[in-house]
Protein backbone atom coordinates (compact mmCIF):
# COMPACT_ATOMS: atom_id res chain seq x y z
CA UNK A 1 0.38 -0.02 -0.05
CA UNK A 2 2.41 2.76 0.90
CA UNK A 3 4.76 1.63 -2.21
CA UNK A 4 1.61 2.25 -4.45
CA UNK A 5 0.86 5.55 -2.42
CA UNK A 6 4.99 6.90 -3.40
CA UNK A 7 4.17 5.55 -6.75
CA UNK A 8 0.94 8.00 -7.11
CA UNK A 9 2.94 10.86 -5.40
CA UNK A 10 6.13 10.58 -7.88
CA UNK A 11 2.98 10.07 -10.92
CA UNK A 12 1.12 13.79 -10.12
CA UNK A 13 4.46 15.23 -9.60
CA UNK A 14 6.90 14.20 -12.51
CA UNK A 15 4.98 12.22 -15.24
CA UNK A 16 1.52 13.61 -15.20
CA UNK A 17 2.19 16.31 -17.64
CA UNK A 18 3.43 13.36 -20.39
CA UNK A 19 0.38 11.93 -22.44
CA UNK A 20 2.28 8.66 -22.41
CA UNK A 21 2.46 8.18 -18.97
CA UNK A 22 -1.60 9.48 -18.50
CA UNK A 23 -1.97 6.70 -21.18
CA UNK A 24 -0.12 3.99 -19.25
CA UNK A 25 -2.03 4.75 -15.63
CA UNK A 26 -5.14 3.06 -16.10
CA UNK A 27 -2.90 -0.27 -16.82
CA UNK A 28 -0.51 0.01 -14.61
CA UNK A 29 -3.34 0.40 -11.50
CA UNK A 30 -5.05 -2.63 -12.88
CA UNK A 31 -1.55 -4.70 -12.99
CA UNK A 32 -0.85 -3.54 -9.45
CA UNK A 33 -4.40 -4.60 -8.14
CA UNK A 34 -4.36 -7.81 -9.73
CA UNK A 35 -0.92 -8.14 -8.11
CA UNK A 36 -2.39 -7.33 -4.46
CA UNK A 37 -5.33 -9.80 -5.29
CA UNK A 38 -2.88 -12.51 -6.00
CA UNK A 39 -1.28 -11.59 -2.96
CA UNK A 40 -4.17 -12.23 -0.98
CA UNK A 41 -4.68 -15.35 -2.23
CA UNK A 42 -1.71 -16.84 -1.72
CA UNK A 43 -1.21 -15.20 2.09
CA UNK A 44 -5.06 -16.63 2.59
CA UNK A 45 -3.58 -20.14 1.46
CA UNK A 46 -0.75 -19.71 3.71
CA UNK A 47 -3.06 -19.06 6.77
CA UNK A 48 -5.15 -21.96 6.04
CA UNK A 49 -1.94 -23.85 5.70
CA UNK A 50 -0.77 -22.88 9.13
CA UNK A 51 -4.11 -23.51 10.72
CA UNK A 52 -4.12 -26.82 9.56
CA UNK A 53 -0.82 -27.64 10.90
CA UNK A 54 -1.56 -26.60 14.03
CA UNK A 55 -4.36 -28.95 14.52
CA UNK A 56 -2.44 -31.35 13.14
CA UNK A 57 -0.20 -31.36 15.75
CA UNK A 58 -2.47 -30.71 18.23
CA UNK A 59 -4.89 -33.75 17.22
CA UNK A 60 -1.83 -36.39 16.39
CA UNK A 61 0.73 -34.87 18.59
CA UNK A 62 1.95 -38.65 18.97
CA UNK A 63 1.98 -39.28 15.27
CA UNK A 64 4.28 -36.47 14.92
CA UNK A 65 6.29 -37.45 17.91
CA UNK A 66 7.14 -40.38 15.94
CA UNK A 67 7.65 -38.57 12.80
CA UNK A 68 10.13 -36.22 14.27
CA UNK A 69 11.79 -39.37 16.32
CA UNK A 70 12.31 -41.08 12.69
CA UNK A 71 13.29 -38.27 10.37
CA UNK A 72 14.28 -34.62 12.08
CA UNK A 73 15.30 -35.13 15.71
CA UNK A 74 19.18 -35.03 14.10
CA UNK A 75 18.37 -31.78 12.40
CA UNK A 76 16.73 -29.34 15.09
CA UNK A 77 14.96 -29.52 18.63
CA UNK A 78 11.32 -30.86 18.77
CA UNK A 79 10.14 -27.05 19.72
CA UNK A 80 11.77 -25.82 17.00
CA UNK A 81 10.28 -28.25 14.49
CA UNK A 82 6.69 -27.44 15.48
CA UNK A 83 6.95 -23.98 15.71
CA UNK A 84 8.32 -23.50 12.28
CA UNK A 85 5.12 -26.08 11.01
CA UNK A 86 3.03 -24.10 13.36
CA UNK A 87 4.21 -20.41 13.06
CA UNK A 88 1.97 -17.79 14.56
CA UNK A 89 0.48 -15.66 12.16
CA UNK A 90 -0.99 -12.11 12.96
CA UNK A 91 -4.91 -12.44 12.28
CA UNK A 92 -5.50 -10.64 9.32
CA UNK A 93 -9.25 -12.35 8.27
CA UNK A 94 -11.90 -10.64 9.82
CA UNK A 95 -15.69 -10.80 9.80
CA UNK A 96 -17.79 -7.39 8.41
CA UNK A 97 -20.20 -6.07 11.57
CA UNK A 98 -21.94 -3.38 10.89
CA UNK A 99 -22.01 -0.58 13.71
CA UNK A 100 -25.45 -1.16 14.34
CA UNK A 101 -25.18 -4.85 14.93
CA UNK A 102 -22.31 -4.57 17.15
CA UNK A 103 -23.82 -1.83 19.49
CA UNK A 104 -27.11 -4.32 19.60
CA UNK A 105 -24.88 -7.22 20.39
CA UNK A 106 -22.58 -5.71 22.99
CA UNK A 107 -25.26 -4.14 24.48
CA UNK A 108 -23.62 -0.63 24.66
CA UNK A 109 -25.22 2.55 25.34
CA UNK A 110 -24.76 5.11 22.66
CA UNK A 111 -24.96 9.08 22.90
CA UNK A 112 -27.61 10.69 20.54
CA UNK A 113 -26.27 13.24 18.28
CA UNK A 114 -28.99 13.83 15.78
CA UNK A 115 -32.33 11.96 15.54
CA UNK A 116 -33.61 10.04 12.89
CA UNK A 117 -35.31 12.74 10.19
CA UNK A 118 -37.73 12.67 6.79
CA UNK A 119 -36.44 14.98 4.19
CA UNK A 120 -37.73 16.31 0.91
CA UNK A 121 -35.41 16.94 -1.55
CA UNK A 122 -35.62 19.40 -4.39
CA UNK A 123 -34.25 18.51 -7.57
CA UNK A 124 -32.25 20.39 -9.91
CA UNK A 125 -33.16 22.28 -12.85
CA UNK A 126 -31.53 20.72 -15.63
CA UNK A 127 -30.35 22.22 -18.92
CA UNK A 128 -30.53 21.68 -21.61
CA UNK A 129 -33.94 20.11 -21.39
CA UNK A 130 -33.46 17.49 -23.60
CA UNK A 131 -31.61 16.02 -20.89
CA UNK A 132 -33.92 16.26 -18.07
CA UNK A 133 -35.43 12.74 -18.57
CA UNK A 134 -31.89 11.51 -17.15
CA UNK A 135 -32.25 13.19 -14.07
CA UNK A 136 -34.98 12.98 -11.34
CA UNK A 137 -36.90 15.87 -11.35
CA UNK A 138 -39.78 15.61 -8.86
CA UNK A 139 -38.86 16.22 -4.91
CA UNK A 140 -37.66 12.97 -3.57
CA UNK A 141 -38.64 11.87 -0.03
CA UNK A 142 -35.42 10.50 2.02
CA UNK A 143 -35.15 8.85 5.45
CA UNK A 144 -32.39 9.71 7.32
CA UNK A 145 -30.55 7.52 9.95
CA UNK A 146 -29.55 9.05 13.29
CA UNK A 147 -26.16 10.38 14.31
CA UNK A 148 -25.12 8.93 17.41
CA UNK A 149 -21.32 8.30 19.27
CA UNK A 150 -20.61 4.78 20.99
CA UNK A 151 -17.16 3.44 22.80
CA UNK A 152 -14.96 0.43 21.42
CA UNK A 153 -12.10 -0.87 23.54
CA UNK A 154 -9.12 -2.21 22.14
CA UNK A 155 -10.16 -0.62 18.74
CA UNK A 156 -7.34 -1.03 16.50
CA UNK A 157 -7.68 1.61 13.52
CA UNK A 158 -5.31 2.86 10.51
CA UNK A 159 -4.88 5.90 8.74
CA UNK A 160 -6.79 6.79 5.77
CA UNK A 161 -9.02 4.82 6.93
CA UNK A 162 -12.65 4.69 8.55
CA UNK A 163 -13.07 1.07 9.32
CA UNK A 164 -12.13 -0.23 12.91
CA UNK A 165 -10.71 -3.19 14.12
CA UNK A 166 -11.72 -4.97 17.32
CA UNK A 167 -12.37 -8.45 18.68
CA UNK A 168 -11.63 -10.24 15.42
CA UNK A 169 -13.76 -7.83 13.80
CA UNK A 170 -14.29 -5.23 10.99
CA UNK A 171 -16.42 -2.64 12.08
CA UNK A 172 -17.89 -0.28 9.33
CA UNK A 173 -21.07 1.96 9.02
CA UNK A 174 -24.16 0.25 7.89
CA UNK A 175 -24.67 2.73 4.63
CA UNK A 176 -21.76 0.60 2.89
CA UNK A 177 -23.01 -2.00 0.45
CA UNK A 178 -19.93 -3.64 -0.24
CA UNK A 179 -21.65 -5.16 -3.72
CA UNK A 180 -21.82 -2.35 -5.36
CA UNK A 181 -19.45 0.17 -3.27
CA UNK A 182 -15.94 -0.30 -3.71
CA UNK A 183 -14.08 1.71 -0.67
CA UNK A 184 -11.37 3.59 -1.07
CA UNK A 185 -8.92 1.54 1.14
CA UNK A 186 -9.68 -1.23 -1.14
CA UNK A 187 -9.08 0.39 -4.46
CA UNK A 188 -5.74 1.39 -2.82
CA UNK A 189 -4.59 -2.01 -1.53
CA UNK A 190 -5.00 -1.28 2.04
CA UNK A 191 -7.82 -4.23 2.30
CA UNK A 192 -9.33 -6.82 0.35
CA UNK A 193 -13.14 -7.65 0.88
CA UNK A 194 -14.65 -11.00 -0.15
CA UNK A 195 -18.51 -9.75 -0.56
CA UNK A 196 -19.60 -13.31 -0.75
CA UNK A 197 -18.62 -14.49 3.09
CA UNK A 198 -18.41 -10.62 3.94
CA UNK A 199 -15.28 -11.23 5.45
CA UNK A 200 -11.99 -8.32 5.07
CA UNK A 201 -8.48 -9.34 4.72
CA UNK A 202 -6.36 -6.53 6.39
CA UNK A 203 -2.87 -5.90 3.76
CA UNK A 204 -0.94 -3.62 6.34
CA UNK A 205 2.55 -3.73 7.65
CA UNK A 206 2.92 -6.31 10.78
CA UNK A 207 4.35 -3.67 13.04
CA UNK A 208 3.68 -3.42 16.67
CA UNK A 209 0.50 -0.47 16.61
CA UNK A 210 1.32 2.83 18.52
CA UNK A 211 -0.80 2.72 22.04
CA UNK A 212 -3.49 5.63 22.35
CA UNK A 213 -5.20 5.56 25.57
CA UNK A 214 -8.38 7.53 24.67
CA UNK A 215 -9.29 9.06 21.69
CA UNK A 216 -12.26 10.40 18.77
CA UNK A 217 -12.08 8.58 15.47
CA UNK A 218 -11.98 11.36 12.59
CA UNK A 219 -10.19 9.02 10.33
CA UNK A 220 -11.22 8.53 6.92
CA UNK A 221 -10.50 7.41 3.64
CA UNK A 222 -11.27 10.35 1.60
CA UNK A 223 -10.77 13.47 4.18
CA UNK A 224 -7.42 15.24 2.48
CA UNK A 225 -10.47 16.64 0.07
CA UNK A 226 -11.79 19.51 0.79
CA UNK A 227 -15.73 18.75 0.16
CA UNK A 228 -15.19 15.32 1.58
CA UNK A 229 -14.05 16.40 4.76
CA UNK A 230 -16.61 19.16 5.12
CA UNK A 231 -19.49 17.01 4.29
CA UNK A 232 -18.58 13.50 5.61
CA UNK A 233 -16.15 14.11 8.66
CA UNK A 234 -16.34 17.64 10.16
CA UNK A 235 -19.90 17.43 10.88
CA UNK A 236 -19.02 14.97 13.13
CA UNK A 237 -16.90 17.26 15.77
CA UNK A 238 -19.28 19.91 15.19
CA UNK A 239 -21.84 17.47 16.77
CA UNK A 240 -19.52 15.77 19.09
CA UNK A 241 -19.26 19.50 20.71
CA UNK A 242 -22.85 19.79 21.46
CA UNK A 243 -22.05 16.97 23.60
CA UNK A 244 -20.89 17.78 27.31
CA UNK A 245 -18.64 14.49 27.68
CA UNK A 246 -16.03 12.77 26.00
CA UNK A 247 -13.50 16.07 27.32
CA UNK A 248 -10.63 13.79 28.40
CA UNK A 249 -11.12 12.02 24.46
CA UNK A 250 -7.89 13.55 21.95
CA UNK A 251 -8.93 14.08 18.62
CA UNK A 252 -7.77 11.35 16.22
CA UNK A 253 -6.73 12.99 12.26
CA UNK A 254 -5.04 11.65 9.27
CA UNK A 255 -1.83 13.19 8.53
CA UNK A 256 -0.67 15.82 5.92
CA UNK A 257 -4.12 17.27 5.73
CA UNK A 258 -4.43 20.61 3.78
CA UNK A 259 -3.61 23.64 6.14
CA UNK A 260 -7.38 25.00 5.13
CA UNK A 261 -8.59 21.48 6.73
CA UNK A 262 -6.25 21.71 9.80
CA UNK A 263 -7.88 25.23 10.17
CA UNK A 264 -11.29 24.16 10.37
CA UNK A 265 -10.26 21.38 12.94
CA UNK A 266 -9.06 24.44 14.97
CA UNK A 267 -12.09 26.54 14.45
CA UNK A 268 -13.95 23.24 15.48
CA UNK A 269 -12.13 22.05 18.34
CA UNK A 270 -14.35 24.27 20.56
CA UNK A 271 -13.33 22.02 24.05
CA UNK A 272 -9.48 22.38 23.08
CA UNK A 273 -8.97 18.83 22.97
CA UNK A 274 -5.31 17.46 22.07
CA UNK A 275 -4.71 16.21 18.40
CA UNK A 276 -3.07 13.21 17.73
CA UNK A 277 -2.36 12.49 13.80
CA UNK A 278 -1.75 9.10 11.90
CA UNK A 279 0.08 8.59 8.91
CA UNK A 280 -1.48 6.68 5.83
CA UNK A 281 -1.69 3.08 6.49
CA UNK A 282 -0.32 3.18 10.23
CA UNK A 283 -1.81 1.03 12.51
CA UNK A 284 -2.40 2.06 16.44
CA UNK A 285 -4.34 0.44 19.08
CA UNK A 286 -6.97 2.92 21.31
CA UNK A 287 -8.02 1.56 24.70
CA UNK A 288 -11.14 3.43 24.28
CA UNK A 289 -12.35 5.04 20.97
CA UNK A 290 -15.21 6.78 20.28
CA UNK A 291 -16.72 6.61 17.30
CA UNK A 292 -19.57 8.27 15.49
CA UNK A 293 -21.75 6.64 12.88
CA UNK A 294 -21.68 8.65 9.61
CA UNK A 295 -23.10 11.88 8.83
CA UNK A 296 -22.78 11.55 5.11
CA UNK A 297 -22.47 9.06 2.83
CA UNK A 298 -21.47 9.05 -1.27
CA UNK A 299 -19.95 6.08 -2.44
CA UNK A 300 -16.29 6.78 -3.39
CA UNK A 301 -16.06 4.40 -6.51
CA UNK A 302 -18.14 1.45 -7.61
CA UNK A 303 -16.88 -1.77 -8.40
CA UNK A 304 -16.18 -2.69 -11.78
CA UNK A 305 -18.53 -4.27 -14.21
CA UNK A 306 -21.47 -2.95 -12.82
CA UNK A 307 -24.20 -1.72 -15.78
CA UNK A 308 -25.60 1.71 -15.10
CA UNK A 309 -29.06 -0.03 -15.13
CA UNK A 310 -27.27 -2.31 -12.21
CA UNK A 311 -26.36 0.77 -10.23
CA UNK A 312 -29.65 2.70 -10.91
CA UNK A 313 -28.22 6.03 -9.65
CA UNK A 314 -31.04 7.93 -7.38
CA UNK A 315 -30.92 10.93 -5.21
CA UNK A 316 -30.31 8.58 -2.17
CA UNK A 317 -26.60 8.18 -3.28
CA UNK A 318 -26.03 11.47 -1.72
CA UNK A 319 -27.10 11.24 2.00
CA UNK A 320 -26.29 14.57 3.98
CA UNK A 321 -27.41 15.23 7.88
CA UNK A 322 -28.91 18.31 7.41
CA UNK A 323 -28.28 18.88 11.39
CA UNK A 324 -24.81 18.50 10.81
CA UNK A 325 -24.07 20.31 7.95
CA UNK A 326 -26.10 23.58 9.55
CA UNK A 327 -24.22 23.02 12.38
CA UNK A 328 -20.68 23.20 11.06
CA UNK A 329 -21.87 26.07 9.06
CA UNK A 330 -22.61 28.00 12.03
CA UNK A 331 -19.62 27.26 14.03
CA UNK A 332 -17.63 28.22 11.21
CA UNK A 333 -19.10 31.11 10.47
CA UNK A 334 -20.27 32.67 14.06
CA UNK A 335 -16.78 34.25 14.51
CA UNK A 336 -17.02 36.56 11.25
CA UNK A 337 -18.35 40.17 10.76
CA UNK A 338 -22.09 39.89 9.18
CA UNK A 339 -21.85 40.43 5.36
CA UNK A 340 -22.13 43.84 3.82
CA UNK A 341 -21.64 44.96 0.62
CA UNK A 342 -23.17 44.16 -2.74
CA UNK A 343 -23.41 40.39 -3.59
CA UNK A 344 -21.53 38.77 -5.82
CA UNK A 345 -21.37 36.60 -9.10
CA UNK A 346 -18.63 34.21 -8.58
CA UNK A 347 -17.18 31.82 -11.23
CA UNK A 348 -14.76 29.19 -9.42
CA UNK A 349 -11.82 28.74 -11.93
CA UNK A 350 -10.69 24.66 -11.79
CA UNK A 351 -6.84 24.21 -12.33
CA UNK A 352 -6.47 20.67 -12.20
CA UNK A 353 -5.72 18.63 -15.39
CA UNK A 354 -8.36 16.41 -15.48
CA UNK A 355 -11.94 17.21 -16.24
CA UNK A 356 -10.81 19.93 -18.58
CA UNK A 357 -13.19 22.55 -20.00
CA UNK A 358 -12.57 22.16 -23.74
CA UNK A 359 -13.99 25.75 -24.51
CA UNK A 360 -12.75 27.79 -21.13
CA UNK A 361 -11.93 30.54 -23.25
CA UNK A 362 -15.54 31.03 -24.75
CA UNK A 363 -17.10 30.48 -21.33
CA UNK A 364 -14.84 33.08 -19.98
CA UNK A 365 -15.43 35.48 -22.01
CA UNK A 366 -19.32 34.97 -21.13
CA UNK A 367 -19.11 35.09 -17.81
CA UNK A 368 -16.76 38.45 -17.60
CA UNK A 369 -19.43 40.78 -19.87
CA UNK A 370 -21.82 39.07 -17.41
CA UNK A 371 -19.62 40.78 -14.38
CA UNK A 372 -18.69 37.96 -12.59
CA UNK A 373 -15.53 37.93 -10.50
CA UNK A 374 -12.91 34.64 -11.46
CA UNK A 375 -11.71 33.18 -8.06
CA UNK A 376 -9.52 30.36 -7.40
CA UNK A 377 -10.58 28.48 -4.04
CA UNK A 378 -7.76 26.34 -3.27
CA UNK A 379 -5.42 29.33 -3.43
CA UNK A 380 -6.96 30.64 -0.60
CA UNK A 381 -7.25 30.44 3.00
CA UNK A 382 -10.37 28.75 4.83
CA UNK A 383 -11.51 31.99 6.59
CA UNK A 384 -11.14 33.97 3.11
CA UNK A 385 -13.20 31.00 0.87
CA UNK A 386 -16.30 31.35 3.94
CA UNK A 387 -16.26 35.31 3.61
CA UNK A 388 -16.35 35.44 -0.26
CA UNK A 389 -19.10 32.62 -0.41
CA UNK A 390 -21.43 34.24 2.33
CA UNK A 391 -21.46 37.41 -0.23
CA UNK A 392 -22.19 35.05 -3.13
CA UNK A 393 -25.50 35.79 -5.60
CA UNK A 394 -24.95 33.36 -8.06
CA UNK A 395 -21.68 30.79 -8.52
CA UNK A 396 -20.79 29.31 -11.46
CA UNK A 397 -18.68 25.84 -11.30
CA UNK A 398 -17.84 22.41 -12.76
CA UNK A 399 -18.28 20.04 -10.20
CA UNK A 400 -15.23 19.53 -7.87
CA UNK A 401 -13.90 19.87 -4.04
CA UNK A 402 -14.32 24.00 -4.60
CA UNK A 403 -18.08 23.58 -5.04
CA UNK A 404 -18.76 22.43 -1.81
CA UNK A 405 -18.06 26.35 -0.79
CA UNK A 406 -21.63 26.49 -1.20
CA UNK A 407 -22.38 25.30 2.31
CA UNK A 408 -21.29 29.05 3.68
CA UNK A 409 -23.15 30.24 0.44
CA UNK A 410 -26.62 32.23 1.87
CA UNK A 411 -30.58 30.82 1.05
CA UNK A 412 -31.49 31.55 -1.92
CA UNK A 413 -28.54 31.46 -3.73
CA UNK A 414 -28.20 30.37 -7.58
CA UNK A 415 -25.63 27.54 -8.31
CA UNK A 416 -25.11 26.58 -12.17
CA UNK A 417 -23.16 23.44 -11.92
CA UNK A 418 -21.45 22.64 -15.46
CA UNK A 419 -20.69 18.82 -15.90
CA UNK A 420 -20.38 16.10 -18.25
CA UNK A 421 -22.89 13.54 -19.16
CA UNK A 422 -22.29 9.70 -17.83
CA UNK A 423 -24.75 7.32 -16.34
CA UNK A 424 -21.91 6.65 -13.51
CA UNK A 425 -21.85 10.23 -12.33
CA UNK A 426 -23.98 10.82 -9.30
CA UNK A 427 -25.37 13.96 -9.98
CA UNK A 428 -27.18 14.62 -6.68
CA UNK A 429 -24.00 15.32 -4.75
CA UNK A 430 -24.12 18.66 -4.89
CA UNK A 431 -28.03 19.26 -5.75
CA UNK A 432 -28.87 17.17 -2.43
CA UNK A 433 -26.69 19.77 -0.38
CA UNK A 434 -27.85 22.79 -2.35
CA UNK A 435 -31.31 21.92 -0.88
CA UNK A 436 -30.95 21.54 2.79
CA UNK A 437 -29.16 24.54 2.17
CA UNK A 438 -32.13 26.17 0.55
CA UNK A 439 -30.26 27.38 -2.30
CA UNK A 440 -31.52 26.90 -6.41
CA UNK A 441 -29.33 24.42 -8.12
CA UNK A 442 -28.69 24.76 -12.02
CA UNK A 443 -27.07 21.64 -13.76
CA UNK A 444 -25.73 22.32 -17.42
CA UNK A 445 -25.02 18.76 -18.99
CA UNK A 446 -22.41 18.94 -21.52
CA UNK A 447 -20.98 16.33 -23.98
CA UNK A 448 -18.17 14.46 -23.13
CA UNK A 449 -14.89 15.21 -24.86
CA UNK A 450 -12.67 12.51 -26.04
CA UNK A 451 -9.74 13.44 -23.87
CA UNK A 452 -6.94 10.61 -23.04
CA UNK A 453 -6.66 11.97 -19.57
CA UNK A 454 -10.32 11.39 -18.62
CA UNK A 455 -9.75 7.83 -18.07
CA UNK A 456 -12.19 7.60 -15.16
CA UNK A 457 -15.60 6.71 -16.38
CA UNK A 458 -17.78 8.73 -14.19
CA UNK A 459 -15.17 12.09 -14.46
CA UNK A 460 -14.51 13.52 -17.88
CA UNK A 461 -13.95 16.39 -19.84
CA UNK A 462 -16.64 18.98 -21.76
CA UNK A 463 -17.94 21.10 -24.17
CA UNK A 464 -20.45 23.70 -22.82
CA UNK A 465 -23.00 24.80 -24.90
CA UNK A 466 -22.81 28.55 -24.80
CA UNK A 467 -26.47 29.37 -26.10
CA UNK A 468 -27.46 27.17 -22.99
CA UNK A 469 -24.62 28.81 -20.64
CA UNK A 470 -26.41 32.49 -21.70
CA UNK A 471 -30.01 31.36 -21.44
CA UNK A 472 -29.62 29.66 -17.58
CA UNK A 473 -27.95 33.14 -17.06
CA UNK A 474 -31.30 35.04 -18.30
CA UNK A 475 -33.39 33.12 -16.09
CA UNK A 476 -30.89 34.19 -12.85
CA UNK A 477 -31.39 37.60 -13.95
CA UNK A 478 -34.96 37.57 -14.58
CA UNK A 479 -35.36 35.57 -11.14
CA UNK A 480 -32.95 38.04 -9.67
CA UNK A 481 -31.58 35.63 -7.02
């Protein structure tokens, strides 16, 4: 796993600018995944052989003793002989158990942070009109689960993973559908899941875990991504702050997070809890761990081979707990002065080398004439982003991490998201968030470009229809959002 991570860093820094490297990347990833699967299979046979030998020694000690006496006595001691064929191996296979089942089976008391809730989500207004049959248009009812915190004794946790290992079990939140969803941990080679018998193989270094006495688990597979942090992890801390307990518990976070994410932790850490960082792939043993059930869930990736009809993507694929989002927004803005001045039209420029906007110059020319301010949020501090988006009247952007700043935009703000069409894309990712925040969400679906850098089936480059863009902006002027 660590070797793959280093290769990814090297690729992003030095190779991504070359066409040949971008073309080879998907093949290298596939070969690596095949190697990991082969390693998992070989190790599983190794484990079975060891267990078989151990049972053989226990059940047939006399026979083993005779074999040793006749053939091996002159070469090595009996203890060494049995040690070789039944060497202890750290348990690496775990049955999958959901948080709720674990709490129910062990009769654990939970701390309720947010109750169950029924929500009616407004769907996006889709342009052009001939694409509206591709996206759900009627208001969508959604039943939201409660959010709760609970204690786990002697829990093993791993950097860049929200999976927890305890008592020979792998604990996970109940929103995973492992037959459909491919966790980031599995994609990066940290684990391998057998969906048939619901077991997980843990592929981490067999080192002695670092010991932590008490901690609140804020680790996750996507914590380094700004929008994933704001929606999936930061609300947990905001909700925990509402509870008067757990004051003596440290906050356990991933190492090497962006300064803006660390800044948000410092703002949200009202109880001044100690911060403990864990490296990617590092395993730690926590004597008493506080785990929080999901405050949001969007599948990280889908398993290979699934067709769009099998996936049947609908608004339920993007779930957010409204109280967590609102509390996060309140906690990060309450120390700032009230907004004054004219509200702004913002265009979020994307600087990534993927999902390229092929006719970006034409798009920028239209927006410049409409009086839009061009911003690059990834080059701004957290507080500067919050201040800017609190004054937004209309936001135009491609889908991406920067669009997560709509959390700080006011009610009634008009969002215009630009995205290429793909049956594998979850278009409700930002529209559900905007609905919770009572914002008006417009989606412009574009023709995908044939950019060789876009090897991901859901993330494609695009060509924006300028006539459609002008019509959406004209509608915004009429409605005066």
